[in-house]
Amino acid sequence: MEFFTISLLNGLSYGLLLFMLSSGLTLIFSMMGVLNFAHASFYMLGAYFAFSVTEFIGFWPALLIAPLLVGLLGAGFEKFCLRRVHKFGHVPELLITFGLSYILLEVVQLIWGRSSVDDRVPAELSGPLFTLYGTQFPIYRGFMMLVALLMLLAVWLLLTRTRIGLVIQAALTHPETVEALGHNVPRVFMMVFGGGAALAGLAGVIG
C-alpha cells in the first residue's frame, strides 16, 4: 500500500509537469495550426533563465521573470520569423521552428556551457510536505502540482470566460470578421505564440 500510494503521488506530480510542458504546445497548435518544434527549447530557456535570475535576486522573482522573458522571445520570433513563412504552409513552419531549436541549443551552450549547472530547490520549498507510511513526500513536488493546477485553471478561464479568449478563438476560424471588428489578428497570433512559449518557460522554471 505504501509503494502504491507514493508511486501514485509521484506519477501524478510528473504527469502535471508534463501537462505544464504540453499546454503551451497544445495552445499554439490548436489556435494557430503550428507544430512548434522549438517548444522544448523554450522549456530549456525557462530553466536557464530561472537559474541566472535566481543567482541575482532569488527564486520567487525568477518564477515570474523567466517565463516573461521566454514569452517575449517567442512573441518576437513569431513576429519577425514565423509570420513570414506562415502563408507557405506547414512544412516551412516546421523547418523554421526546427532551425530555431538548433540555434537556441548553441546559444545556451555558448552562455552557460555544456556541463550541468548547480540548480537547487529553494530553502523555503525543501523538506517534506508530509510523511506517509514512513515515506516523506517533498514540499517542492506539492508546490509543482499546485502551480500546474493553477495554470490549468488560469488557461481555462482565459479562453472560455474572457473577451481575450473569445477574440483568440474567433481569430482562428473567422479572421476577416475579427479584423472587421477592429482587432489586429497578427497581433493576436503573436500573443498566442508568446503565451505558449511563456507556459513552456514556466514549466522549465518549475521542472
C-alpha atoms as a PDB file:
ATOM      1  CA  MET A   1       0.000   0.000   0.000  1.00  0.00           C
ATOM      2  CA  GLU A   2       2.861   2.358   0.820  1.00  0.00           C
ATOM      3  CA  PHE A   3       4.578   1.703  -2.519  1.00  0.00           C
ATOM      4  CA  PHE A   4       1.315   2.154  -4.449  1.00  0.00           C
ATOM      5  CA  THR A   5       0.392   5.440  -2.728  1.00  0.00           C
ATOM      6  CA  ILE A   6       3.813   7.055  -3.078  1.00  0.00           C
ATOM      7  CA  SER A   7       4.125   5.874  -6.685  1.00  0.00           C
ATOM      8  CA  LEU A   8       0.689   7.326  -7.403  1.00  0.00           C
ATOM      9  CA  LEU A   9       1.659  10.715  -5.957  1.00  0.00           C
ATOM     10  CA  ASN A  10       4.988  10.734  -7.807  1.00  0.00           C
ATOM     11  CA  GLY A  11       3.259   9.787 -11.064  1.00  0.00           C
ATOM     12  CA  LEU A  12       0.643  12.471 -10.551  1.00  0.00           C
ATOM     13  CA  SER A  13       3.279  15.140  -9.951  1.00  0.00           C
ATOM     14  CA  TYR A  14       5.251  14.036 -13.013  1.00  0.00           C
ATOM     15  CA  GLY A  15       2.083  13.961 -15.122  1.00  0.00           C
ATOM     16  CA  LEU A  16       1.216  17.504 -14.063  1.00  0.00           C
ATOM     17  CA  LEU A  17       4.727  18.616 -15.035  1.00  0.00           C
ATOM     18  CA  LEU A  18       4.199  17.070 -18.478  1.00  0.00           C
ATOM     19  CA  PHE A  19       0.870  18.901 -18.654  1.00  0.00           C
ATOM     20  CA  MET A  20       2.653  22.188 -17.949  1.00  0.00           C
ATOM     21  CA  LEU A  21       5.105  21.477 -20.750  1.00  0.00           C
ATOM     22  CA  SER A  22       2.486  20.334 -23.262  1.00  0.00           C
ATOM     23  CA  SER A  23      -0.127  23.018 -22.534  1.00  0.00           C
ATOM     24  CA  GLY A  24       1.786  25.712 -24.410  1.00  0.00           C
ATOM     25  CA  LEU A  25       2.410  23.386 -27.354  1.00  0.00           C
ATOM     26  CA  THR A  26      -1.274  22.450 -27.458  1.00  0.00           C
ATOM     27  CA  LEU A  27      -2.320  26.093 -27.255  1.00  0.00           C
ATOM     28  CA  ILE A  28      -0.119  27.072 -30.209  1.00  0.00           C
ATOM     29  CA  PHE A  29      -1.110  24.067 -32.321  1.00  0.00           C
ATOM     30  CA  SER A  30      -4.843  24.303 -31.639  1.00  0.00           C
ATOM     31  CA  MET A  31      -5.054  28.075 -32.089  1.00  0.00           C
ATOM     32  CA  MET A  32      -2.557  28.608 -34.917  1.00  0.00           C
ATOM     33  CA  GLY A  33      -2.127  25.180 -36.518  1.00  0.00           C
ATOM     34  CA  VAL A  34       1.645  25.417 -35.979  1.00  0.00           C
ATOM     35  CA  LEU A  35       3.526  22.372 -34.685  1.00  0.00           C
ATOM     36  CA  ASN A  36       6.296  24.138 -32.808  1.00  0.00           C
ATOM     37  CA  PHE A  37       9.451  22.006 -32.899  1.00  0.00           C
ATOM     38  CA  ALA A  38      11.248  24.587 -30.734  1.00  0.00           C
ATOM     39  CA  HIS A  39       8.845  24.204 -27.809  1.00  0.00           C
ATOM     40  CA  ALA A  40      11.271  22.056 -25.799  1.00  0.00           C
ATOM     41  CA  SER A  41      13.926  24.711 -26.387  1.00  0.00           C
ATOM     42  CA  PHE A  42      11.671  27.323 -24.786  1.00  0.00           C
ATOM     43  CA  TYR A  43      11.331  24.926 -21.847  1.00  0.00           C
ATOM     44  CA  MET A  44      15.125  24.772 -21.650  1.00  0.00           C
ATOM     45  CA  LEU A  45      15.444  28.556 -21.811  1.00  0.00           C
ATOM     46  CA  GLY A  46      12.967  28.925 -18.959  1.00  0.00           C
ATOM     47  CA  ALA A  47      15.156  26.698 -16.786  1.00  0.00           C
ATOM     48  CA  TYR A  48      18.384  28.534 -17.610  1.00  0.00           C
ATOM     49  CA  PHE A  49      16.826  31.985 -17.295  1.00  0.00           C
ATOM     50  CA  ALA A  50      15.455  30.980 -13.895  1.00  0.00           C
ATOM     51  CA  PHE A  51      18.881  29.724 -12.826  1.00  0.00           C
ATOM     52  CA  SER A  52      20.545  33.035 -13.748  1.00  0.00           C
ATOM     53  CA  VAL A  53      17.830  35.231 -12.249  1.00  0.00           C
ATOM     54  CA  THR A  54      17.796  33.157  -9.051  1.00  0.00           C
ATOM     55  CA  GLU A  55      21.505  33.769  -8.574  1.00  0.00           C
ATOM     56  CA  PHE A  56      20.918  37.540  -8.516  1.00  0.00           C
ATOM     57  CA  ILE A  57      17.509  38.168  -6.937  1.00  0.00           C
ATOM     58  CA  GLY A  58      16.138  34.821  -5.792  1.00  0.00           C
ATOM     59  CA  PHE A  59      13.761  32.066  -6.865  1.00  0.00           C
ATOM     60  CA  TRP A  60      10.418  33.835  -6.423  1.00  0.00           C
ATOM     61  CA  PRO A  61      11.197  36.757  -8.777  1.00  0.00           C
ATOM     62  CA  ALA A  62      12.639  34.205 -11.239  1.00  0.00           C
ATOM     63  CA  LEU A  63       9.311  32.376 -11.183  1.00  0.00           C
ATOM     64  CA  LEU A  64       7.759  35.457 -12.830  1.00  0.00           C
ATOM     65  CA  ILE A  65      10.662  36.957 -14.780  1.00  0.00           C
ATOM     66  CA  ALA A  66      11.914  33.831 -16.578  1.00  0.00           C
ATOM     67  CA  PRO A  67       8.554  32.880 -18.215  1.00  0.00           C
ATOM     68  CA  LEU A  68       8.060  36.529 -19.189  1.00  0.00           C
ATOM     69  CA  LEU A  69      11.449  36.628 -20.918  1.00  0.00           C
ATOM     70  CA  VAL A  70      10.724  33.378 -22.757  1.00  0.00           C
ATOM     71  CA  GLY A  71       7.291  34.688 -23.779  1.00  0.00           C
ATOM     72  CA  LEU A  72       8.803  37.894 -25.167  1.00  0.00           C
ATOM     73  CA  LEU A  73      11.348  35.854 -27.108  1.00  0.00           C
ATOM     74  CA  GLY A  74       8.584  33.646 -28.515  1.00  0.00           C
ATOM     75  CA  ALA A  75       6.465  36.645 -29.486  1.00  0.00           C
ATOM     76  CA  GLY A  76       9.443  38.243 -31.240  1.00  0.00           C
ATOM     77  CA  PHE A  77      10.167  35.023 -33.126  1.00  0.00           C
ATOM     78  CA  GLU A  78       6.555  34.800 -34.305  1.00  0.00           C
ATOM     79  CA  LYS A  79       6.517  38.425 -35.448  1.00  0.00           C
ATOM     80  CA  PHE A  80       9.830  38.571 -37.282  1.00  0.00           C
ATOM     81  CA  CYS A  81      10.330  34.980 -38.475  1.00  0.00           C
ATOM     82  CA  LEU A  82       7.347  32.625 -38.267  1.00  0.00           C
ATOM     83  CA  ARG A  83       4.849  35.145 -39.638  1.00  0.00           C
ATOM     84  CA  ARG A  84       6.879  35.491 -42.837  1.00  0.00           C
ATOM     85  CA  VAL A  85       6.583  31.786 -43.689  1.00  0.00           C
ATOM     86  CA  HIS A  86       3.087  31.147 -42.302  1.00  0.00           C
ATOM     87  CA  LYS A  87       1.465  31.706 -45.701  1.00  0.00           C
ATOM     88  CA  PHE A  88       3.617  28.992 -47.313  1.00  0.00           C
ATOM     89  CA  GLY A  89       2.139  26.157 -45.268  1.00  0.00           C
ATOM     90  CA  HIS A  90       3.137  23.712 -42.566  1.00  0.00           C
ATOM     91  CA  VAL A  91       6.461  22.468 -43.937  1.00  0.00           C
ATOM     92  CA  PRO A  92       8.212  25.879 -43.819  1.00  0.00           C
ATOM     93  CA  GLU A  93       6.789  26.383 -40.319  1.00  0.00           C
ATOM     94  CA  LEU A  94       8.241  23.063 -39.199  1.00  0.00           C
ATOM     95  CA  LEU A  95      11.607  23.865 -40.751  1.00  0.00           C
ATOM     96  CA  ILE A  96      11.922  27.313 -39.202  1.00  0.00           C
ATOM     97  CA  THR A  97      10.953  26.129 -35.715  1.00  0.00           C
ATOM     98  CA  PHE A  98      13.298  23.144 -36.097  1.00  0.00           C
ATOM     99  CA  GLY A  99      16.092  25.535 -37.059  1.00  0.00           C
ATOM    100  CA  LEU A 100      15.286  27.731 -34.058  1.00  0.00           C
ATOM    101  CA  SER A 101      15.723  24.761 -31.730  1.00  0.00           C
ATOM    102  CA  TYR A 102      19.279  24.258 -33.016  1.00  0.00           C
ATOM    103  CA  ILE A 103      20.088  27.951 -32.670  1.00  0.00           C
ATOM    104  CA  LEU A 104      18.781  28.107 -29.098  1.00  0.00           C
ATOM    105  CA  LEU A 105      20.771  24.999 -28.184  1.00  0.00           C
ATOM    106  CA  GLU A 106      24.001  26.558 -29.440  1.00  0.00           C
ATOM    107  CA  VAL A 107      23.257  29.867 -27.704  1.00  0.00           C
ATOM    108  CA  VAL A 108      22.625  28.116 -24.394  1.00  0.00           C
ATOM    109  CA  GLN A 109      25.886  26.172 -24.722  1.00  0.00           C
ATOM    110  CA  LEU A 110      27.797  29.375 -25.500  1.00  0.00           C
ATOM    111  CA  ILE A 111      26.376  31.222 -22.479  1.00  0.00           C
ATOM    112  CA  TRP A 112      26.014  28.523 -19.815  1.00  0.00           C
ATOM    113  CA  GLY A 113      28.418  25.896 -21.146  1.00  0.00           C
ATOM    114  CA  ARG A 114      27.960  22.214 -21.876  1.00  0.00           C
ATOM    115  CA  SER A 115      28.170  20.947 -18.298  1.00  0.00           C
ATOM    116  CA  SER A 116      25.219  20.856 -15.923  1.00  0.00           C
ATOM    117  CA  VAL A 117      24.561  23.813 -13.622  1.00  0.00           C
ATOM    118  CA  ASP A 118      24.057  23.575  -9.869  1.00  0.00           C
ATOM    119  CA  ASP A 119      20.387  24.490  -9.558  1.00  0.00           C
ATOM    120  CA  ARG A 120      18.913  23.730  -6.146  1.00  0.00           C
ATOM    121  CA  VAL A 121      15.426  23.718  -4.680  1.00  0.00           C
ATOM    122  CA  PRO A 122      14.819  26.966  -2.727  1.00  0.00           C
ATOM    123  CA  ALA A 123      15.174  26.652   1.019  1.00  0.00           C
ATOM    124  CA  GLU A 124      11.506  27.541   1.611  1.00  0.00           C
ATOM    125  CA  LEU A 125      10.429  24.557  -0.501  1.00  0.00           C
ATOM    126  CA  SER A 126      12.928  21.995   0.730  1.00  0.00           C
ATOM    127  CA  GLY A 127      11.944  19.305   3.168  1.00  0.00           C
ATOM    128  CA  PRO A 128       8.924  17.004   3.447  1.00  0.00           C
ATOM    129  CA  LEU A 129       5.339  18.128   2.878  1.00  0.00           C
ATOM    130  CA  PHE A 130       4.002  15.144   4.807  1.00  0.00           C
ATOM    131  CA  THR A 131       5.041  11.652   5.832  1.00  0.00           C
ATOM    132  CA  LEU A 132       3.003   8.708   4.595  1.00  0.00           C
ATOM    133  CA  TYR A 133       3.720   5.178   5.845  1.00  0.00           C
ATOM    134  CA  GLY A 134       7.187   6.341   6.853  1.00  0.00           C
ATOM    135  CA  THR A 135       7.983   7.851   3.422  1.00  0.00           C
ATOM    136  CA  GLN A 136       8.333  11.613   3.009  1.00  0.00           C
ATOM    137  CA  PHE A 137       6.690  13.486   0.140  1.00  0.00           C
ATOM    138  CA  PRO A 138       8.709  16.630  -0.788  1.00  0.00           C
ATOM    139  CA  ILE A 139       7.223  20.113  -0.442  1.00  0.00           C
ATOM    140  CA  TYR A 140       8.574  21.051  -3.864  1.00  0.00           C
ATOM    141  CA  ARG A 141       6.568  18.357  -5.633  1.00  0.00           C
ATOM    142  CA  GLY A 142       3.431  19.580  -3.905  1.00  0.00           C
ATOM    143  CA  PHE A 143       4.272  23.116  -4.998  1.00  0.00           C
ATOM    144  CA  MET A 144       4.800  21.910  -8.569  1.00  0.00           C
ATOM    145  CA  MET A 145       1.395  20.207  -8.553  1.00  0.00           C
ATOM    146  CA  LEU A 146      -0.254  23.363  -7.197  1.00  0.00           C
ATOM    147  CA  VAL A 147       1.301  25.552  -9.909  1.00  0.00           C
ATOM    148  CA  ALA A 148       0.191  23.115 -12.623  1.00  0.00           C
ATOM    149  CA  LEU A 149      -3.404  23.136 -11.355  1.00  0.00           C
ATOM    150  CA  LEU A 150      -3.413  26.932 -11.121  1.00  0.00           C
ATOM    151  CA  MET A 151      -2.085  27.090 -14.694  1.00  0.00           C
ATOM    152  CA  LEU A 152      -4.890  24.796 -15.869  1.00  0.00           C
ATOM    153  CA  LEU A 153      -7.491  26.976 -14.168  1.00  0.00           C
ATOM    154  CA  ALA A 154      -5.985  30.208 -15.498  1.00  0.00           C
ATOM    155  CA  VAL A 155      -5.788  28.999 -19.119  1.00  0.00           C
ATOM    156  CA  TRP A 156      -9.332  27.617 -18.989  1.00  0.00           C
ATOM    157  CA  LEU A 157     -10.736  30.849 -17.568  1.00  0.00           C
ATOM    158  CA  LEU A 158      -8.798  32.951 -20.070  1.00  0.00           C
ATOM    159  CA  LEU A 159     -10.022  31.020 -23.105  1.00  0.00           C
ATOM    160  CA  THR A 160     -13.624  30.440 -22.057  1.00  0.00           C
ATOM    161  CA  ARG A 161     -14.598  33.280 -19.726  1.00  0.00           C
ATOM    162  CA  THR A 162     -12.832  36.402 -21.024  1.00  0.00           C
ATOM    163  CA  ARG A 163     -13.103  38.676 -24.036  1.00  0.00           C
ATOM    164  CA  ILE A 164      -9.492  37.914 -24.934  1.00  0.00           C
ATOM    165  CA  GLY A 165     -10.300  34.219 -25.180  1.00  0.00           C
ATOM    166  CA  LEU A 166     -13.273  34.891 -27.417  1.00  0.00           C
ATOM    167  CA  VAL A 167     -11.153  37.039 -29.729  1.00  0.00           C
ATOM    168  CA  ILE A 168      -8.468  34.336 -29.907  1.00  0.00           C
ATOM    169  CA  GLN A 169     -10.972  31.615 -30.786  1.00  0.00           C
ATOM    170  CA  ALA A 170     -12.746  33.815 -33.326  1.00  0.00           C
ATOM    171  CA  ALA A 171      -9.447  34.814 -34.956  1.00  0.00           C
ATOM    172  CA  LEU A 172      -8.737  31.161 -35.670  1.00  0.00           C
ATOM    173  CA  THR A 173     -11.986  30.441 -37.513  1.00  0.00           C
ATOM    174  CA  HIS A 174     -13.109  33.861 -38.795  1.00  0.00           C
ATOM    175  CA  PRO A 175     -10.044  36.132 -39.094  1.00  0.00           C
ATOM    176  CA  GLU A 176     -11.667  38.508 -41.612  1.00  0.00           C
ATOM    177  CA  THR A 177     -14.621  39.113 -39.300  1.00  0.00           C
ATOM    178  CA  VAL A 178     -12.325  39.710 -36.347  1.00  0.00           C
ATOM    179  CA  GLU A 179     -10.302  42.244 -38.343  1.00  0.00           C
ATOM    180  CA  ALA A 180     -13.535  43.961 -39.434  1.00  0.00           C
ATOM    181  CA  LEU A 181     -14.393  44.384 -35.748  1.00  0.00           C
ATOM    182  CA  GLY A 182     -11.146  46.284 -35.242  1.00  0.00           C
ATOM    183  CA  HIS A 183      -8.855  43.594 -33.831  1.00  0.00           C
ATOM    184  CA  ASN A 184      -5.324  43.034 -35.105  1.00  0.00           C
ATOM    185  CA  VAL A 185      -5.277  39.327 -35.989  1.00  0.00           C
ATOM    186  CA  PRO A 186      -1.481  39.049 -36.488  1.00  0.00           C
ATOM    187  CA  ARG A 187      -1.019  40.599 -33.049  1.00  0.00           C
ATOM    188  CA  VAL A 188      -3.456  38.073 -31.595  1.00  0.00           C
ATOM    189  CA  PHE A 189      -1.430  35.208 -33.071  1.00  0.00           C
ATOM    190  CA  MET A 190       1.769  36.789 -31.770  1.00  0.00           C
ATOM    191  CA  MET A 191       0.257  36.890 -28.269  1.00  0.00           C
ATOM    192  CA  VAL A 192      -0.844  33.246 -28.562  1.00  0.00           C
ATOM    193  CA  PHE A 193       2.629  32.097 -29.620  1.00  0.00           C
ATOM    194  CA  GLY A 194       4.285  34.193 -26.942  1.00  0.00           C
ATOM    195  CA  GLY A 195       1.847  32.864 -24.340  1.00  0.00           C
ATOM    196  CA  GLY A 196       2.553  29.281 -25.345  1.00  0.00           C
ATOM    197  CA  ALA A 197       6.295  29.921 -25.094  1.00  0.00           C
ATOM    198  CA  ALA A 198       5.787  31.522 -21.659  1.00  0.00           C
ATOM    199  CA  LEU A 199       3.942  28.424 -20.455  1.00  0.00           C
ATOM    200  CA  ALA A 200       6.879  26.297 -21.611  1.00  0.00           C
ATOM    201  CA  GLY A 201       9.218  28.677 -19.791  1.00  0.00           C
ATOM    202  CA  LEU A 202       7.193  28.352 -16.594  1.00  0.00           C
ATOM    203  CA  ALA A 203       7.387  24.575 -16.869  1.00  0.00           C
ATOM    204  CA  GLY A 204      11.154  24.932 -17.236  1.00  0.00           C
ATOM    205  CA  VAL A 205      11.359  27.020 -14.070  1.00  0.00           C
ATOM    206  CA  ILE A 206       9.310  24.524 -12.064  1.00  0.00           C
ATOM    207  CA  GLY A 207      10.760  21.378 -13.604  1.00  0.00           C
END
